[in-house]
Amino acid sequence: MNNAFPSNPFGGSGFGAGPGGPASAIFDAMEQLRKSFEQRPSGGSRMAKGDVRTAVLSLLTEKPMHGYQIINEIADRSGGSWKPSAGSVYPTLQLLADEGLIEAQEQNGRKTYSLTEAGRAVASEHTETPAPWESQSKGEGSHDNPRYSALPKAGVDLAAAAAAVGRSGSTEQVQQAVEILDDARRRLYSILAQD
C-alpha cells in the first residue's frame, strides 16, 4: 500500500507532550474535530431566558429538585442538545422565588426547590405547549440525528485510540494504525461520493 505518511507520524524519537510537540498536535486535532461538530444549524442550542423559566416550572411540576438536578434533567430530556448553564438556571430560580412561584428548602445541605400554589397555577397555563426541551430536541440538532450525537463521539473515540497507539505503540503498530486511518478516511469520503 502506497503511504505518504512517515514511519513515525508523531515525529522525533518519542511521543512528547511539550508545547508544539506531537502530543500537542494530536490534542489540537482532536479539539478541531470536536469543534467541527459543534457547528449547529441556525438557531443553535441556545435557548431564550423565558425557555429556562418555562423548563424550570415544568420540571418542578413533577417533583422538587435542586439546581444541579434541573440542569441535568433538561440536558437529558433534550438529548444533550440543550444544557443550560448554572448562570442561567440559578438566577431563574431566584427570580421565581422572588415572584412567589417556588420555595426553597434545605435538604442534605442543598436547596431543593418546589412549586408554590401560585407556581402550580402558572405552570398549568403552559401544559398545552411542548416543554422547551421537546421543541429543542425535535430540531435538526436532535440527539436522534447522528450528525450531532453518534458521529462526533465516534470521531473523538477514534482520535483518542489513535493517540493511544501513538503514545504506547511500537513503530510497526503506529504504521498499522496509520494504514487503518488512511483506509477509514478514504471509505468515509466514498460515502459522500455515493448517490
Protein backbone atom coordinates (compact mmCIF):
# COMPACT_ATOMS: atom_id res chain seq x y z
CA MET A 1 0.00 0.00 0.00
CA ASN A 2 1.44 3.36 -1.04
CA ASN A 3 1.53 5.55 2.02
CA ALA A 4 2.51 9.21 2.19
CA PHE A 5 2.89 9.18 5.97
CA PRO A 6 6.31 8.96 7.63
CA SER A 7 7.12 5.79 9.56
CA ASN A 8 6.78 7.76 12.80
CA PRO A 9 3.98 10.26 12.18
CA PHE A 10 4.38 11.74 15.66
CA GLY A 11 7.90 12.96 14.93
CA GLY A 12 11.05 12.84 16.99
CA SER A 13 12.19 9.85 18.98
CA GLY A 14 9.16 9.68 21.23
CA PHE A 15 5.69 10.98 21.84
CA GLY A 16 6.43 14.29 23.55
CA ALA A 17 3.80 16.30 25.35
CA GLY A 18 5.57 19.65 25.37
CA PRO A 19 4.23 22.77 23.67
CA GLY A 20 4.37 22.32 19.92
CA GLY A 21 5.23 18.63 20.38
CA PRO A 22 3.46 15.71 18.77
CA ALA A 23 1.04 15.24 21.70
CA SER A 24 0.06 18.88 21.43
CA ALA A 25 -0.62 18.43 17.71
CA ILE A 26 -2.89 15.44 18.36
CA PHE A 27 -4.84 17.24 21.06
CA ASP A 28 -5.19 20.27 18.78
CA ALA A 29 -6.53 17.99 16.05
CA MET A 30 -8.99 16.39 18.48
CA GLU A 31 -10.17 19.85 19.55
CA GLN A 32 -10.67 20.87 15.92
CA LEU A 33 -12.64 17.67 15.32
CA ARG A 34 -14.86 18.35 18.32
CA LYS A 35 -15.46 21.96 17.25
CA SER A 36 -16.39 20.91 13.72
CA PHE A 37 -19.37 19.03 15.11
CA GLU A 38 -20.48 21.96 17.27
CA GLN A 39 -21.48 23.94 14.20
CA ARG A 40 -25.21 23.75 14.70
CA PRO A 41 -27.89 24.81 12.23
CA SER A 42 -29.11 28.39 12.56
CA GLY A 43 -30.69 28.94 15.91
CA GLY A 44 -28.10 26.75 17.63
CA SER A 45 -28.65 25.25 21.02
CA ARG A 46 -29.02 28.47 22.96
CA MET A 47 -32.45 28.96 24.38
CA ALA A 48 -34.14 32.16 25.47
CA LYS A 49 -34.33 33.05 29.15
CA GLY A 50 -38.09 32.52 29.03
CA ASP A 51 -37.43 28.96 27.97
CA VAL A 52 -35.29 28.37 31.07
CA ARG A 53 -38.12 29.72 33.20
CA THR A 54 -40.70 27.50 31.46
CA ALA A 55 -38.41 24.48 31.72
CA VAL A 56 -37.85 25.01 35.45
CA LEU A 57 -41.57 25.38 36.13
CA SER A 58 -42.34 22.32 34.02
CA LEU A 59 -39.81 20.14 35.82
CA LEU A 60 -40.91 21.27 39.25
CA THR A 61 -44.49 20.17 38.48
CA GLU A 62 -43.12 16.62 38.59
CA LYS A 63 -41.14 16.77 41.84
CA PRO A 64 -38.96 19.06 43.96
CA MET A 65 -35.40 19.37 42.62
CA HIS A 66 -32.17 21.18 43.31
CA GLY A 67 -30.50 23.33 40.67
CA TYR A 68 -27.99 20.72 39.53
CA GLN A 69 -30.82 18.19 39.02
CA ILE A 70 -32.72 20.73 36.92
CA ILE A 71 -29.70 21.36 34.69
CA ASN A 72 -29.13 17.63 34.20
CA GLU A 73 -32.82 16.86 33.59
CA ILE A 74 -33.01 19.49 30.86
CA ALA A 75 -29.82 18.12 29.26
CA ASP A 76 -31.14 14.53 29.45
CA ARG A 77 -34.57 15.37 28.11
CA SER A 78 -33.16 17.39 25.21
CA GLY A 79 -30.81 14.56 24.31
CA GLY A 80 -27.86 16.74 25.20
CA SER A 81 -28.73 19.42 22.65
CA TRP A 82 -29.52 21.94 25.40
CA LYS A 83 -27.76 22.14 28.73
CA PRO A 84 -28.44 25.46 30.41
CA SER A 85 -25.62 26.89 32.47
CA ALA A 86 -25.75 27.38 36.20
CA GLY A 87 -25.53 31.08 35.36
CA SER A 88 -28.96 30.93 33.75
CA VAL A 89 -30.70 28.38 36.00
CA TYR A 90 -29.83 29.74 39.44
CA PRO A 91 -30.83 33.36 38.69
CA THR A 92 -34.08 31.99 37.22
CA LEU A 93 -34.69 30.04 40.44
CA GLN A 94 -34.07 33.18 42.48
CA LEU A 95 -36.43 35.20 40.29
CA LEU A 96 -39.16 32.55 40.57
CA ALA A 97 -38.70 32.53 44.36
CA ASP A 98 -38.92 36.33 44.44
CA GLU A 99 -42.17 36.10 42.47
CA GLY A 100 -43.55 33.60 44.99
CA LEU A 101 -43.82 30.81 42.40
CA ILE A 102 -41.33 28.48 44.05
CA GLU A 103 -39.94 27.96 47.51
CA ALA A 104 -36.61 26.55 48.64
CA GLN A 105 -35.98 24.11 51.47
CA GLU A 106 -32.60 22.94 52.76
CA GLN A 107 -32.20 19.19 52.32
CA ASN A 108 -28.87 17.41 52.80
CA GLY A 109 -27.00 20.71 52.53
CA ARG A 110 -28.69 21.68 49.25
CA LYS A 111 -31.56 23.94 48.43
CA THR A 112 -34.37 21.92 46.96
CA TYR A 113 -36.99 23.90 45.05
CA SER A 114 -40.68 23.14 44.79
CA LEU A 115 -43.69 24.93 43.34
CA THR A 116 -46.00 27.00 45.48
CA GLU A 117 -49.75 27.07 44.74
CA ALA A 118 -49.21 30.18 42.63
CA GLY A 119 -46.37 28.38 40.81
CA ARG A 120 -48.62 25.40 40.05
CA ALA A 121 -51.21 27.76 38.57
CA VAL A 122 -48.61 29.43 36.32
CA ALA A 123 -47.13 26.06 35.29
CA SER A 124 -50.58 24.70 34.41
CA GLU A 125 -51.02 27.56 31.91
CA HIS A 126 -48.21 26.03 29.83
CA THR A 127 -49.48 22.43 29.70
CA GLU A 128 -50.77 22.85 26.13
CA THR A 129 -47.39 23.86 24.72
CA PRO A 130 -44.48 21.40 24.48
CA ALA A 131 -41.75 21.77 27.05
CA PRO A 132 -38.76 23.77 25.77
CA TRP A 133 -36.51 20.68 25.65
CA GLU A 134 -39.10 18.90 23.46
CA SER A 135 -39.10 21.63 20.84
CA GLN A 136 -35.29 21.80 21.05
CA SER A 137 -34.83 18.05 20.62
CA LYS A 138 -37.16 17.87 17.62
CA GLY A 139 -34.96 20.19 15.55
CA GLU A 140 -32.17 19.21 13.17
CA GLY A 141 -29.75 19.23 16.10
CA SER A 142 -31.71 16.42 17.73
CA HIS A 143 -29.99 13.60 19.55
CA ASP A 144 -31.74 11.32 17.05
CA ASN A 145 -29.68 12.92 14.29
CA PRO A 146 -26.33 11.09 14.13
CA ARG A 147 -24.63 14.26 12.87
CA TYR A 148 -24.93 15.68 16.39
CA SER A 149 -24.54 12.61 18.57
CA ALA A 150 -23.08 9.31 17.38
CA LEU A 151 -20.75 10.66 14.69
CA PRO A 152 -18.88 13.18 16.87
CA LYS A 153 -18.49 10.59 19.62
CA ALA A 154 -17.16 8.04 17.15
CA GLY A 155 -14.72 10.59 15.72
CA VAL A 156 -13.41 11.64 19.12
CA ASP A 157 -13.17 7.99 20.24
CA LEU A 158 -11.20 7.20 17.07
CA ALA A 159 -8.86 10.14 17.65
CA ALA A 160 -8.31 9.01 21.25
CA ALA A 161 -7.48 5.47 20.07
CA ALA A 162 -5.02 6.87 17.51
CA ALA A 163 -3.40 8.99 20.22
CA ALA A 164 -3.08 5.90 22.48
CA VAL A 165 -1.34 3.95 19.71
CA GLY A 166 0.93 6.95 19.11
CA ARG A 167 1.82 7.13 22.81
CA SER A 168 2.44 3.46 23.51
CA GLY A 169 2.68 1.60 20.22
CA SER A 170 5.77 0.28 18.55
CA THR A 171 6.88 1.64 15.19
CA GLU A 172 5.10 -1.27 13.48
CA GLN A 173 1.88 -0.69 15.44
CA VAL A 174 1.95 3.02 14.60
CA GLN A 175 2.36 2.15 10.91
CA GLN A 176 -0.61 -0.26 11.09
CA ALA A 177 -2.71 2.45 12.73
CA VAL A 178 -1.75 4.94 10.01
CA GLU A 179 -2.82 2.46 7.33
CA ILE A 180 -6.16 1.81 9.07
CA LEU A 181 -6.84 5.53 9.48
CA ASP A 182 -5.88 6.22 5.87
CA ASP A 183 -8.30 3.49 4.72
CA ALA A 184 -11.06 4.82 7.02
CA ARG A 185 -10.61 8.34 5.60
CA ARG A 186 -10.96 7.07 2.02
CA ARG A 187 -14.03 5.00 2.94
CA LEU A 188 -15.69 7.99 4.66
CA TYR A 189 -15.18 10.16 1.58
CA SER A 190 -16.61 7.37 -0.58
CA ILE A 191 -19.85 7.63 1.41
CA LEU A 192 -20.20 11.25 0.28
CA ALA A 193 -19.47 10.23 -3.30
CA GLN A 194 -22.44 7.85 -3.39
CA ASP A 195 -25.69 8.99 -4.98
